[in-house]
């Protein structure tokens, strides 16, 4: 069994190596998505993210996840009133793909109230 307790590294390279090792050992099905930076209520435009995370406050242009992977919201306070804020923890459960080439990523949050009024 792989230990997934917190580690601290001095370099980004060491951190990436550890994250890659953990990711490769998750048994769930892998999905890779193009990132599309949009908030459905306030931003009518879609913004394709640059391929350089140092230019996008560490956001990557591709999202690589696996079923059963631990998830932590860390990009913004989406809906504080609905418990969807920086640090909210959960588990990636499944993907729903639509005919228009969009996908919904379903996360089971540790707090059962998280997202209860924001769900589609």
PDB file of N, CA and C in Angstrom:
ATOM      1  N   UNK A   1       0.846  -1.189   0.000  1.00  0.00           N
ATOM      2  CA  UNK A   1       0.000   0.000   0.000  1.00  0.00           C
ATOM      3  C   UNK A   1       0.886   1.245   0.000  1.00  0.00           C
ATOM      4  N   UNK A   2       0.500   2.230  -0.783  1.00  0.00           N
ATOM      5  CA  UNK A   2       1.264   3.469  -0.908  1.00  0.00           C
ATOM      6  C   UNK A   2       0.863   4.431   0.201  1.00  0.00           C
ATOM      7  N   UNK A   3       1.857   5.016   0.835  1.00  0.00           N
ATOM      8  CA  UNK A   3       1.595   6.021   1.852  1.00  0.00           C
ATOM      9  C   UNK A   3       1.277   7.343   1.164  1.00  0.00           C
ATOM     10  N   UNK A   4       0.113   7.937   1.467  1.00  0.00           N
ATOM     11  CA  UNK A   4      -0.261   9.199   0.827  1.00  0.00           C
ATOM     12  C   UNK A   4      -0.297  10.350   1.826  1.00  0.00           C
ATOM     13  N   UNK A   5       0.435  10.197   2.902  1.00  0.00           N
ATOM     14  CA  UNK A   5       0.519  11.287   3.866  1.00  0.00           C
ATOM     15  C   UNK A   5       1.299  12.450   3.255  1.00  0.00           C
ATOM     16  N   UNK A   6       1.164  13.631   3.823  1.00  0.00           N
ATOM     17  CA  UNK A   6       1.831  14.811   3.248  1.00  0.00           C
ATOM     18  C   UNK A   6       3.354  14.679   3.235  1.00  0.00           C
ATOM     19  N   UNK A   7       3.935  15.170   2.181  1.00  0.00           N
ATOM     20  CA  UNK A   7       5.385  15.244   2.032  1.00  0.00           C
ATOM     21  C   UNK A   7       5.755  16.684   1.740  1.00  0.00           C
ATOM     22  N   UNK A   8       6.966  17.069   2.083  1.00  0.00           N
ATOM     23  CA  UNK A   8       7.457  18.399   1.737  1.00  0.00           C
ATOM     24  C   UNK A   8       8.745  18.230   0.945  1.00  0.00           C
ATOM     25  N   UNK A   9       8.808  18.920  -0.196  1.00  0.00           N
ATOM     26  CA  UNK A   9       9.987  18.855  -1.049  1.00  0.00           C
ATOM     27  C   UNK A   9      10.525  20.259  -1.279  1.00  0.00           C
ATOM     28  N   UNK A  10      11.803  20.333  -1.603  1.00  0.00           N
ATOM     29  CA  UNK A  10      12.452  21.624  -1.831  1.00  0.00           C
ATOM     30  C   UNK A  10      12.299  22.112  -3.262  1.00  0.00           C
ATOM     31  N   UNK A  11      11.986  21.203  -4.176  1.00  0.00           N
ATOM     32  CA  UNK A  11      11.892  21.601  -5.583  1.00  0.00           C
ATOM     33  C   UNK A  11      10.561  21.164  -6.188  1.00  0.00           C
ATOM     34  N   UNK A  12      10.130  21.882  -7.202  1.00  0.00           N
ATOM     35  CA  UNK A  12       8.923  21.491  -7.932  1.00  0.00           C
ATOM     36  C   UNK A  12       9.119  20.144  -8.621  1.00  0.00           C
ATOM     37  N   UNK A  13      10.333  19.885  -9.082  1.00  0.00           N
ATOM     38  CA  UNK A  13      10.626  18.620  -9.759  1.00  0.00           C
ATOM     39  C   UNK A  13      10.380  17.435  -8.819  1.00  0.00           C
ATOM     40  N   UNK A  14      10.845  17.532  -7.595  1.00  0.00           N
ATOM     41  CA  UNK A  14      10.640  16.450  -6.620  1.00  0.00           C
ATOM     42  C   UNK A  14       9.161  16.271  -6.304  1.00  0.00           C
ATOM     43  N   UNK A  15       8.467  17.375  -6.189  1.00  0.00           N
ATOM     44  CA  UNK A  15       7.027  17.316  -5.920  1.00  0.00           C
ATOM     45  C   UNK A  15       6.311  16.644  -7.076  1.00  0.00           C
ATOM     46  N   UNK A  16       6.628  17.030  -8.311  1.00  0.00           N
ATOM     47  CA  UNK A  16       5.998  16.429  -9.481  1.00  0.00           C
ATOM     48  C   UNK A  16       6.292  14.935  -9.552  1.00  0.00           C
ATOM     49  N   UNK A  17       7.512  14.527  -9.279  1.00  0.00           N
ATOM     50  CA  UNK A  17       7.866  13.108  -9.298  1.00  0.00           C
ATOM     51  C   UNK A  17       7.022  12.312  -8.298  1.00  0.00           C
ATOM     52  N   UNK A  18       6.853  12.845  -7.089  1.00  0.00           N
ATOM     53  CA  UNK A  18       6.045  12.163  -6.075  1.00  0.00           C
ATOM     54  C   UNK A  18       4.580  12.096  -6.513  1.00  0.00           C
ATOM     55  N   UNK A  19       4.051  13.221  -7.015  1.00  0.00           N
ATOM     56  CA  UNK A  19       2.657  13.244  -7.474  1.00  0.00           C
ATOM     57  C   UNK A  19       2.440  12.268  -8.617  1.00  0.00           C
ATOM     58  N   UNK A  20       3.384  12.205  -9.562  1.00  0.00           N
ATOM     59  CA  UNK A  20       3.276  11.264 -10.675  1.00  0.00           C
ATOM     60  C   UNK A  20       3.284   9.821 -10.178  1.00  0.00           C
ATOM     61  N   UNK A  21       4.134   9.526  -9.207  1.00  0.00           N
ATOM     62  CA  UNK A  21       4.203   8.175  -8.633  1.00  0.00           C
ATOM     63  C   UNK A  21       2.858   7.798  -7.999  1.00  0.00           C
ATOM     64  N   UNK A  22       2.308   8.687  -7.191  1.00  0.00           N
ATOM     65  CA  UNK A  22       1.010   8.416  -6.553  1.00  0.00           C
ATOM     66  C   UNK A  22      -0.071   8.231  -7.616  1.00  0.00           C
ATOM     67  N   UNK A  23      -0.104   9.129  -8.603  1.00  0.00           N
ATOM     68  CA  UNK A  23      -1.118   9.064  -9.657  1.00  0.00           C
ATOM     69  C   UNK A  23      -1.054   7.734 -10.403  1.00  0.00           C
ATOM     70  N   UNK A  24       0.138   7.297 -10.779  1.00  0.00           N
ATOM     71  CA  UNK A  24       0.285   6.048 -11.528  1.00  0.00           C
ATOM     72  C   UNK A  24      -0.169   4.832 -10.729  1.00  0.00           C
ATOM     73  N   UNK A  25      -0.183   4.933  -9.412  1.00  0.00           N
ATOM     74  CA  UNK A  25      -0.573   3.798  -8.573  1.00  0.00           C
ATOM     75  C   UNK A  25      -2.041   3.822  -8.137  1.00  0.00           C
ATOM     76  N   UNK A  26      -2.800   4.811  -8.581  1.00  0.00           N
ATOM     77  CA  UNK A  26      -4.251   4.806  -8.347  1.00  0.00           C
ATOM     78  C   UNK A  26      -4.858   3.834  -9.351  1.00  0.00           C
ATOM     79  N   UNK A  27      -5.722   2.947  -8.896  1.00  0.00           N
ATOM     80  CA  UNK A  27      -6.237   1.869  -9.735  1.00  0.00           C
ATOM     81  C   UNK A  27      -7.386   2.275 -10.649  1.00  0.00           C
ATOM     82  N   UNK A  28      -8.020   3.423 -10.431  1.00  0.00           N
ATOM     83  CA  UNK A  28      -9.197   3.815 -11.200  1.00  0.00           C
ATOM     84  C   UNK A  28      -8.902   4.167 -12.644  1.00  0.00           C
ATOM     85  N   UNK A  29      -9.972   4.204 -13.459  1.00  0.00           N
ATOM     86  CA  UNK A  29      -9.852   4.583 -14.866  1.00  0.00           C
ATOM     87  C   UNK A  29      -9.375   6.021 -14.985  1.00  0.00           C
ATOM     88  N   UNK A  30      -8.478   6.278 -15.937  1.00  0.00           N
ATOM     89  CA  UNK A  30      -7.908   7.608 -16.133  1.00  0.00           C
ATOM     90  C   UNK A  30      -8.707   8.402 -17.166  1.00  0.00           C
ATOM     91  N   UNK A  31      -8.853   9.699 -16.909  1.00  0.00           N
ATOM     92  CA  UNK A  31      -9.480  10.642 -17.838  1.00  0.00           C
ATOM     93  C   UNK A  31      -8.564  11.845 -17.987  1.00  0.00           C
ATOM     94  N   UNK A  32      -8.492  12.373 -19.205  1.00  0.00           N
ATOM     95  CA  UNK A  32      -7.738  13.601 -19.470  1.00  0.00           C
ATOM     96  C   UNK A  32      -8.672  14.554 -20.196  1.00  0.00           C
ATOM     97  N   UNK A  33      -8.789  15.774 -19.676  1.00  0.00           N
ATOM     98  CA  UNK A  33      -9.678  16.783 -20.236  1.00  0.00           C
ATOM     99  C   UNK A  33      -8.893  18.048 -20.552  1.00  0.00           C
ATOM    100  N   UNK A  34      -9.312  18.761 -21.605  1.00  0.00           N
ATOM    101  CA  UNK A  34      -8.810  20.107 -21.834  1.00  0.00           C
ATOM    102  C   UNK A  34      -9.480  21.018 -20.822  1.00  0.00           C
ATOM    103  N   UNK A  35      -8.702  21.840 -20.149  1.00  0.00           N
ATOM    104  CA  UNK A  35      -9.264  22.766 -19.171  1.00  0.00           C
ATOM    105  C   UNK A  35      -9.986  23.891 -19.905  1.00  0.00           C
ATOM    106  N   UNK A  36     -11.127  24.290 -19.387  1.00  0.00           N
ATOM    107  CA  UNK A  36     -11.936  25.364 -19.960  1.00  0.00           C
ATOM    108  C   UNK A  36     -12.321  26.268 -18.809  1.00  0.00           C
ATOM    109  N   UNK A  37     -11.707  27.413 -18.706  1.00  0.00           N
ATOM    110  CA  UNK A  37     -11.892  28.313 -17.578  1.00  0.00           C
ATOM    111  C   UNK A  37     -13.143  29.155 -17.787  1.00  0.00           C
ATOM    112  N   UNK A  38     -14.230  28.754 -17.141  1.00  0.00           N
ATOM    113  CA  UNK A  38     -15.491  29.485 -17.267  1.00  0.00           C
ATOM    114  C   UNK A  38     -16.315  29.262 -16.009  1.00  0.00           C
ATOM    115  N   UNK A  39     -17.018  30.285 -15.587  1.00  0.00           N
ATOM    116  CA  UNK A  39     -17.997  30.148 -14.511  1.00  0.00           C
ATOM    117  C   UNK A  39     -19.358  30.290 -15.156  1.00  0.00           C
ATOM    118  N   UNK A  40     -20.205  29.307 -15.001  1.00  0.00           N
ATOM    119  CA  UNK A  40     -21.451  29.245 -15.763  1.00  0.00           C
ATOM    120  C   UNK A  40     -22.404  30.401 -15.505  1.00  0.00           C
ATOM    121  N   UNK A  41     -22.326  31.073 -14.367  1.00  0.00           N
ATOM    122  CA  UNK A  41     -23.264  32.154 -14.064  1.00  0.00           C
ATOM    123  C   UNK A  41     -22.752  33.539 -14.456  1.00  0.00           C
ATOM    124  N   UNK A  42     -21.467  33.762 -14.354  1.00  0.00           N
ATOM    125  CA  UNK A  42     -20.962  35.126 -14.472  1.00  0.00           C
ATOM    126  C   UNK A  42     -20.096  35.389 -15.693  1.00  0.00           C
ATOM    127  N   UNK A  43     -19.688  34.368 -16.411  1.00  0.00           N
ATOM    128  CA  UNK A  43     -18.752  34.569 -17.512  1.00  0.00           C
ATOM    129  C   UNK A  43     -19.266  33.885 -18.770  1.00  0.00           C
ATOM    130  N   UNK A  44     -19.773  34.642 -19.728  1.00  0.00           N
ATOM    131  CA  UNK A  44     -20.322  34.022 -20.933  1.00  0.00           C
ATOM    132  C   UNK A  44     -19.264  33.480 -21.886  1.00  0.00           C
ATOM    133  N   UNK A  45     -18.004  33.858 -21.705  1.00  0.00           N
ATOM    134  CA  UNK A  45     -16.939  33.419 -22.601  1.00  0.00           C
ATOM    135  C   UNK A  45     -16.183  32.241 -21.996  1.00  0.00           C
ATOM    136  N   UNK A  46     -15.610  31.452 -22.873  1.00  0.00           N
ATOM    137  CA  UNK A  46     -14.715  30.372 -22.465  1.00  0.00           C
ATOM    138  C   UNK A  46     -13.293  30.826 -22.724  1.00  0.00           C
ATOM    139  N   UNK A  47     -12.377  30.502 -21.829  1.00  0.00           N
ATOM    140  CA  UNK A  47     -10.984  30.880 -21.984  1.00  0.00           C
ATOM    141  C   UNK A  47     -10.143  29.615 -21.991  1.00  0.00           C
ATOM    142  N   UNK A  48      -9.462  29.364 -23.087  1.00  0.00           N
ATOM    143  CA  UNK A  48      -8.527  28.246 -23.131  1.00  0.00           C
ATOM    144  C   UNK A  48      -7.286  28.646 -22.335  1.00  0.00           C
ATOM    145  N   UNK A  49      -6.868  27.772 -21.464  1.00  0.00           N
ATOM    146  CA  UNK A  49      -5.715  28.076 -20.623  1.00  0.00           C
ATOM    147  C   UNK A  49      -4.418  27.886 -21.404  1.00  0.00           C
ATOM    148  N   UNK A  50      -3.447  28.713 -21.082  1.00  0.00           N
ATOM    149  CA  UNK A  50      -2.129  28.583 -21.686  1.00  0.00           C
ATOM    150  C   UNK A  50      -1.480  27.290 -21.212  1.00  0.00           C
ATOM    151  N   UNK A  51      -0.528  26.794 -21.986  1.00  0.00           N
ATOM    152  CA  UNK A  51       0.165  25.561 -21.621  1.00  0.00           C
ATOM    153  C   UNK A  51       1.222  25.768 -20.542  1.00  0.00           C
ATOM    154  N   UNK A  52       1.446  26.998 -20.135  1.00  0.00           N
ATOM    155  CA  UNK A  52       2.469  27.307 -19.144  1.00  0.00           C
ATOM    156  C   UNK A  52       1.797  27.649 -17.812  1.00  0.00           C
ATOM    157  N   UNK A  53       1.785  26.708 -16.849  1.00  0.00           N
ATOM    158  CA  UNK A  53       1.114  26.956 -15.571  1.00  0.00           C
ATOM    159  C   UNK A  53       1.633  28.173 -14.806  1.00  0.00           C
ATOM    160  N   UNK A  54       2.874  28.595 -15.084  1.00  0.00           N
ATOM    161  CA  UNK A  54       3.393  29.773 -14.386  1.00  0.00           C
ATOM    162  C   UNK A  54       2.690  31.045 -14.861  1.00  0.00           C
ATOM    163  N   UNK A  55       1.969  30.975 -15.986  1.00  0.00           N
ATOM    164  CA  UNK A  55       1.237  32.119 -16.517  1.00  0.00           C
ATOM    165  C   UNK A  55      -0.253  32.079 -16.173  1.00  0.00           C
ATOM    166  N   UNK A  56      -0.692  31.036 -15.466  1.00  0.00           N
ATOM    167  CA  UNK A  56      -2.125  30.867 -15.183  1.00  0.00           C
ATOM    168  C   UNK A  56      -2.383  30.568 -13.706  1.00  0.00           C
ATOM    169  N   UNK A  57      -1.642  31.175 -12.829  1.00  0.00           N
ATOM    170  CA  UNK A  57      -1.711  30.916 -11.376  1.00  0.00           C
ATOM    171  C   UNK A  57      -1.745  29.415 -11.070  1.00  0.00           C
ATOM    172  N   UNK A  58      -0.871  28.679 -11.746  1.00  0.00           N
ATOM    173  CA  UNK A  58      -0.652  27.236 -11.560  1.00  0.00           C
ATOM    174  C   UNK A  58      -1.744  26.348 -12.154  1.00  0.00           C
ATOM    175  N   UNK A  59      -2.680  26.907 -12.905  1.00  0.00           N
ATOM    176  CA  UNK A  59      -3.674  26.074 -13.581  1.00  0.00           C
ATOM    177  C   UNK A  59      -3.043  25.436 -14.807  1.00  0.00           C
ATOM    178  N   UNK A  60      -3.372  24.207 -15.055  1.00  0.00           N
ATOM    179  CA  UNK A  60      -2.828  23.489 -16.200  1.00  0.00           C
ATOM    180  C   UNK A  60      -3.847  23.462 -17.331  1.00  0.00           C
ATOM    181  N   UNK A  61      -3.373  23.335 -18.564  1.00  0.00           N
ATOM    182  CA  UNK A  61      -4.269  23.314 -19.719  1.00  0.00           C
ATOM    183  C   UNK A  61      -4.945  21.960 -19.888  1.00  0.00           C
ATOM    184  N   UNK A  62      -4.433  20.947 -19.239  1.00  0.00           N
ATOM    185  CA  UNK A  62      -5.035  19.602 -19.249  1.00  0.00           C
ATOM    186  C   UNK A  62      -5.338  19.201 -17.806  1.00  0.00           C
ATOM    187  N   UNK A  63      -6.461  18.546 -17.623  1.00  0.00           N
ATOM    188  CA  UNK A  63      -6.826  18.001 -16.314  1.00  0.00           C
ATOM    189  C   UNK A  63      -6.719  16.489 -16.429  1.00  0.00           C
ATOM    190  N   UNK A  64      -5.892  15.895 -15.610  1.00  0.00           N
ATOM    191  CA  UNK A  64      -5.644  14.458 -15.635  1.00  0.00           C
ATOM    192  C   UNK A  64      -6.096  13.893 -14.289  1.00  0.00           C
ATOM    193  N   UNK A  65      -7.125  13.053 -14.326  1.00  0.00           N
ATOM    194  CA  UNK A  65      -7.666  12.497 -13.079  1.00  0.00           C
ATOM    195  C   UNK A  65      -8.023  11.021 -13.269  1.00  0.00           C
ATOM    196  N   UNK A  66      -8.199  10.328 -12.135  1.00  0.00           N
ATOM    197  CA  UNK A  66      -8.604   8.930 -12.147  1.00  0.00           C
ATOM    198  C   UNK A  66      -9.758   8.734 -11.171  1.00  0.00           C
ATOM    199  N   UNK A  67     -10.612   7.768 -11.500  1.00  0.00           N
ATOM    200  CA  UNK A  67     -11.686   7.385 -10.593  1.00  0.00           C
ATOM    201  C   UNK A  67     -11.062   7.014  -9.248  1.00  0.00           C
ATOM    202  N   UNK A  68     -11.687   7.434  -8.168  1.00  0.00           N
ATOM    203  CA  UNK A  68     -11.269   7.180  -6.785  1.00  0.00           C
ATOM    204  C   UNK A  68     -10.123   8.077  -6.336  1.00  0.00           C
ATOM    205  N   UNK A  69      -9.740   9.043  -7.155  1.00  0.00           N
ATOM    206  CA  UNK A  69      -8.671   9.974  -6.792  1.00  0.00           C
ATOM    207  C   UNK A  69      -9.198  11.000  -5.793  1.00  0.00           C
ATOM    208  N   UNK A  70      -8.378  11.328  -4.796  1.00  0.00           N
ATOM    209  CA  UNK A  70      -8.748  12.361  -3.838  1.00  0.00           C
ATOM    210  C   UNK A  70      -8.698  13.722  -4.514  1.00  0.00           C
ATOM    211  N   UNK A  71      -9.691  14.555  -4.245  1.00  0.00           N
ATOM    212  CA  UNK A  71      -9.831  15.868  -4.874  1.00  0.00           C
ATOM    213  C   UNK A  71      -9.875  16.932  -3.780  1.00  0.00           C
ATOM    214  N   UNK A  72      -9.233  18.055  -4.040  1.00  0.00           N
ATOM    215  CA  UNK A  72      -9.320  19.206  -3.139  1.00  0.00           C
ATOM    216  C   UNK A  72      -9.528  20.444  -3.994  1.00  0.00           C
ATOM    217  N   UNK A  73     -10.603  21.182  -3.732  1.00  0.00           N
ATOM    218  CA  UNK A  73     -10.801  22.444  -4.439  1.00  0.00           C
ATOM    219  C   UNK A  73      -9.724  23.409  -3.997  1.00  0.00           C
ATOM    220  N   UNK A  74      -9.043  24.000  -4.965  1.00  0.00           N
ATOM    221  CA  UNK A  74      -7.940  24.889  -4.589  1.00  0.00           C
ATOM    222  C   UNK A  74      -7.762  26.059  -5.545  1.00  0.00           C
ATOM    223  N   UNK A  75      -8.758  26.368  -6.321  1.00  0.00           N
ATOM    224  CA  UNK A  75      -8.619  27.449  -7.288  1.00  0.00           C
ATOM    225  C   UNK A  75      -9.475  28.654  -6.934  1.00  0.00           C
ATOM    226  N   UNK A  76     -10.527  28.453  -6.195  1.00  0.00           N
ATOM    227  CA  UNK A  76     -11.379  29.592  -5.851  1.00  0.00           C
ATOM    228  C   UNK A  76     -12.507  29.190  -4.925  1.00  0.00           C
ATOM    229  N   UNK A  77     -13.121  30.181  -4.343  1.00  0.00           N
ATOM    230  CA  UNK A  77     -14.298  29.952  -3.499  1.00  0.00           C
ATOM    231  C   UNK A  77     -15.525  30.008  -4.399  1.00  0.00           C
ATOM    232  N   UNK A  78     -15.918  28.858  -4.920  1.00  0.00           N
ATOM    233  CA  UNK A  78     -16.977  28.772  -5.918  1.00  0.00           C
ATOM    234  C   UNK A  78     -18.323  29.192  -5.356  1.00  0.00           C
ATOM    235  N   UNK A  79     -18.686  28.630  -4.237  1.00  0.00           N
ATOM    236  CA  UNK A  79     -19.974  28.929  -3.616  1.00  0.00           C
ATOM    237  C   UNK A  79     -19.830  28.676  -2.114  1.00  0.00           C
ATOM    238  N   UNK A  80     -19.346  29.678  -1.422  1.00  0.00           N
ATOM    239  CA  UNK A  80     -19.086  29.522   0.013  1.00  0.00           C
ATOM    240  C   UNK A  80     -20.351  29.113   0.757  1.00  0.00           C
ATOM    241  N   UNK A  81     -21.494  29.701   0.375  1.00  0.00           N
ATOM    242  CA  UNK A  81     -22.767  29.376   1.028  1.00  0.00           C
ATOM    243  C   UNK A  81     -23.137  27.901   0.858  1.00  0.00           C
ATOM    244  N   UNK A  82     -22.538  27.257  -0.150  1.00  0.00           N
ATOM    245  CA  UNK A  82     -22.854  25.869  -0.461  1.00  0.00           C
ATOM    246  C   UNK A  82     -21.689  24.933  -0.123  1.00  0.00           C
ATOM    247  N   UNK A  83     -20.768  25.394   0.732  1.00  0.00           N
ATOM    248  CA  UNK A  83     -19.625  24.608   1.206  1.00  0.00           C
ATOM    249  C   UNK A  83     -18.643  24.247   0.081  1.00  0.00           C
ATOM    250  N   UNK A  84     -18.661  24.992  -1.029  1.00  0.00           N
ATOM    251  CA  UNK A  84     -17.710  24.767  -2.124  1.00  0.00           C
ATOM    252  C   UNK A  84     -16.676  25.896  -2.095  1.00  0.00           C
ATOM    253  N   UNK A  85     -15.604  25.665  -1.357  1.00  0.00           N
ATOM    254  CA  UNK A  85     -14.590  26.683  -1.131  1.00  0.00           C
ATOM    255  C   UNK A  85     -13.211  26.034  -1.129  1.00  0.00           C
ATOM    256  N   UNK A  86     -12.162  26.878  -1.182  1.00  0.00           N
ATOM    257  CA  UNK A  86     -10.790  26.366  -1.142  1.00  0.00           C
ATOM    258  C   UNK A  86     -10.620  25.406   0.027  1.00  0.00           C
ATOM    259  N   UNK A  87     -10.101  24.228  -0.275  1.00  0.00           N
ATOM    260  CA  UNK A  87      -9.846  23.238   0.760  1.00  0.00           C
ATOM    261  C   UNK A  87     -10.925  22.179   0.910  1.00  0.00           C
ATOM    262  N   UNK A  88     -12.064  22.326   0.221  1.00  0.00           N
ATOM    263  CA  UNK A  88     -13.116  21.304   0.301  1.00  0.00           C
ATOM    264  C   UNK A  88     -12.583  20.000  -0.297  1.00  0.00           C
ATOM    265  N   UNK A  89     -12.718  18.899   0.442  1.00  0.00           N
ATOM    266  CA  UNK A  89     -12.175  17.597   0.047  1.00  0.00           C
ATOM    267  C   UNK A  89     -13.265  16.673  -0.474  1.00  0.00           C
ATOM    268  N   UNK A  90     -12.871  15.802  -1.386  1.00  0.00           N
ATOM    269  CA  UNK A  90     -13.802  14.808  -1.905  1.00  0.00           C
ATOM    270  C   UNK A  90     -13.069  13.739  -2.687  1.00  0.00           C
ATOM    271  N   UNK A  91     -13.859  12.893  -3.372  1.00  0.00           N
ATOM    272  CA  UNK A  91     -13.330  11.800  -4.177  1.00  0.00           C
ATOM    273  C   UNK A  91     -13.975  11.865  -5.553  1.00  0.00           C
ATOM    274  N   UNK A  92     -13.163  11.777  -6.604  1.00  0.00           N
ATOM    275  CA  UNK A  92     -13.668  11.748  -7.971  1.00  0.00           C
ATOM    276  C   UNK A  92     -14.408  10.433  -8.174  1.00  0.00           C
ATOM    277  N   UNK A  93     -15.694  10.519  -8.577  1.00  0.00           N
ATOM    278  CA  UNK A  93     -16.519   9.321  -8.667  1.00  0.00           C
ATOM    279  C   UNK A  93     -16.779   8.840 -10.090  1.00  0.00           C
ATOM    280  N   UNK A  94     -17.182   9.725 -10.983  1.00  0.00           N
ATOM    281  CA  UNK A  94     -17.421   9.303 -12.365  1.00  0.00           C
ATOM    282  C   UNK A  94     -17.573  10.512 -13.271  1.00  0.00           C
ATOM    283  N   UNK A  95     -17.712  10.234 -14.568  1.00  0.00           N
ATOM    284  CA  UNK A  95     -17.832  11.263 -15.601  1.00  0.00           C
ATOM    285  C   UNK A  95     -19.112  11.026 -16.378  1.00  0.00           C
ATOM    286  N   UNK A  96     -19.816  12.110 -16.675  1.00  0.00           N
ATOM    287  CA  UNK A  96     -20.945  12.057 -17.594  1.00  0.00           C
ATOM    288  C   UNK A  96     -20.538  12.832 -18.835  1.00  0.00           C
ATOM    289  N   UNK A  97     -20.529  12.151 -19.987  1.00  0.00           N
ATOM    290  CA  UNK A  97     -20.163  12.806 -21.250  1.00  0.00           C
ATOM    291  C   UNK A  97     -21.437  13.150 -22.010  1.00  0.00           C
ATOM    292  N   UNK A  98     -21.473  14.369 -22.539  1.00  0.00           N
ATOM    293  CA  UNK A  98     -22.616  14.835 -23.306  1.00  0.00           C
ATOM    294  C   UNK A  98     -22.321  14.738 -24.800  1.00  0.00           C
ATOM    295  N   UNK A  99     -23.360  14.828 -25.608  1.00  0.00           N
ATOM    296  CA  UNK A  99     -23.191  14.726 -27.057  1.00  0.00           C
ATOM    297  C   UNK A  99     -22.403  15.899 -27.637  1.00  0.00           C
ATOM    298  N   UNK A 100     -22.414  17.045 -26.985  1.00  0.00           N
ATOM    299  CA  UNK A 100     -21.709  18.227 -27.499  1.00  0.00           C
ATOM    300  C   UNK A 100     -20.235  18.257 -27.103  1.00  0.00           C
ATOM    301  N   UNK A 101     -19.695  17.110 -26.718  1.00  0.00           N
ATOM    302  CA  UNK A 101     -18.282  16.965 -26.358  1.00  0.00           C
ATOM    303  C   UNK A 101     -17.924  17.612 -25.024  1.00  0.00           C
ATOM    304  N   UNK A 102     -18.907  17.960 -24.218  1.00  0.00           N
ATOM    305  CA  UNK A 102     -18.638  18.438 -22.865  1.00  0.00           C
ATOM    306  C   UNK A 102     -18.764  17.263 -21.901  1.00  0.00           C
ATOM    307  N   UNK A 103     -18.118  17.398 -20.757  1.00  0.00           N
ATOM    308  CA  UNK A 103     -18.167  16.361 -19.728  1.00  0.00           C
ATOM    309  C   UNK A 103     -18.412  16.996 -18.369  1.00  0.00           C
ATOM    310  N   UNK A 104     -19.141  16.294 -17.533  1.00  0.00           N
ATOM    311  CA  UNK A 104     -19.324  16.682 -16.146  1.00  0.00           C
ATOM    312  C   UNK A 104     -18.524  15.724 -15.284  1.00  0.00           C
ATOM    313  N   UNK A 105     -17.743  16.278 -14.373  1.00  0.00           N
ATOM    314  CA  UNK A 105     -16.963  15.487 -13.434  1.00  0.00           C
ATOM    315  C   UNK A 105     -17.728  15.463 -12.127  1.00  0.00           C
ATOM    316  N   UNK A 106     -18.037  14.281 -11.630  1.00  0.00           N
ATOM    317  CA  UNK A 106     -18.818  14.131 -10.407  1.00  0.00           C
ATOM    318  C   UNK A 106     -17.885  13.829  -9.241  1.00  0.00           C
ATOM    319  N   UNK A 107     -17.998  14.643  -8.205  1.00  0.00           N
ATOM    320  CA  UNK A 107     -17.159  14.509  -7.013  1.00  0.00           C
ATOM    321  C   UNK A 107     -18.061  14.266  -5.808  1.00  0.00           C
ATOM    322  N   UNK A 108     -17.740  13.261  -5.039  1.00  0.00           N
ATOM    323  CA  UNK A 108     -18.410  13.021  -3.761  1.00  0.00           C
ATOM    324  C   UNK A 108     -17.619  13.732  -2.680  1.00  0.00           C
ATOM    325  N   UNK A 109     -18.149  14.842  -2.178  1.00  0.00           N
ATOM    326  CA  UNK A 109     -17.427  15.610  -1.158  1.00  0.00           C
ATOM    327  C   UNK A 109     -17.559  14.961   0.212  1.00  0.00           C
ATOM    328  N   UNK A 110     -16.535  15.131   1.036  1.00  0.00           N
ATOM    329  CA  UNK A 110     -16.544  14.577   2.387  1.00  0.00           C
ATOM    330  C   UNK A 110     -17.699  15.153   3.201  1.00  0.00           C
ATOM    331  N   UNK A 111     -17.996  16.430   2.987  1.00  0.00           N
ATOM    332  CA  UNK A 111     -19.124  17.071   3.652  1.00  0.00           C
ATOM    333  C   UNK A 111     -20.368  16.829   2.791  1.00  0.00           C
ATOM    334  N   UNK A 112     -21.339  16.053   3.260  1.00  0.00           N
ATOM    335  CA  UNK A 112     -22.507  15.736   2.436  1.00  0.00           C
ATOM    336  C   UNK A 112     -23.333  16.955   2.036  1.00  0.00           C
ATOM    337  N   UNK A 113     -23.165  18.076   2.727  1.00  0.00           N
ATOM    338  CA  UNK A 113     -23.898  19.292   2.366  1.00  0.00           C
ATOM    339  C   UNK A 113     -23.224  20.057   1.223  1.00  0.00           C
ATOM    340  N   UNK A 114     -21.962  19.757   0.947  1.00  0.00           N
ATOM    341  CA  UNK A 114     -21.212  20.492  -0.073  1.00  0.00           C
ATOM    342  C   UNK A 114     -21.871  20.337  -1.438  1.00  0.00           C
ATOM    343  N   UNK A 115     -22.198  21.459  -2.055  1.00  0.00           N
ATOM    344  CA  UNK A 115     -22.786  21.457  -3.388  1.00  0.00           C
ATOM    345  C   UNK A 115     -24.267  21.129  -3.438  1.00  0.00           C
ATOM    346  N   UNK A 116     -24.908  21.013  -2.308  1.00  0.00           N
ATOM    347  CA  UNK A 116     -26.310  20.561  -2.312  1.00  0.00           C
ATOM    348  C   UNK A 116     -27.252  21.517  -3.034  1.00  0.00           C
ATOM    349  N   UNK A 117     -26.953  22.818  -3.061  1.00  0.00           N
ATOM    350  CA  UNK A 117     -27.828  23.756  -3.793  1.00  0.00           C
ATOM    351  C   UNK A 117     -27.269  24.140  -5.152  1.00  0.00           C
ATOM    352  N   UNK A 118     -26.024  23.753  -5.435  1.00  0.00           N
ATOM    353  CA  UNK A 118     -25.387  24.108  -6.699  1.00  0.00           C
ATOM    354  C   UNK A 118     -25.474  22.972  -7.727  1.00  0.00           C
ATOM    355  N   UNK A 119     -25.823  21.798  -7.305  1.00  0.00           N
ATOM    356  CA  UNK A 119     -25.841  20.632  -8.205  1.00  0.00           C
ATOM    357  C   UNK A 119     -26.762  20.854  -9.386  1.00  0.00           C
ATOM    358  N   UNK A 120     -26.339  20.269 -10.496  1.00  0.00           N
ATOM    359  CA  UNK A 120     -27.130  20.350 -11.731  1.00  0.00           C
ATOM    360  C   UNK A 120     -28.238  19.329 -11.677  1.00  0.00           C
TER     361      UNK A 120
END
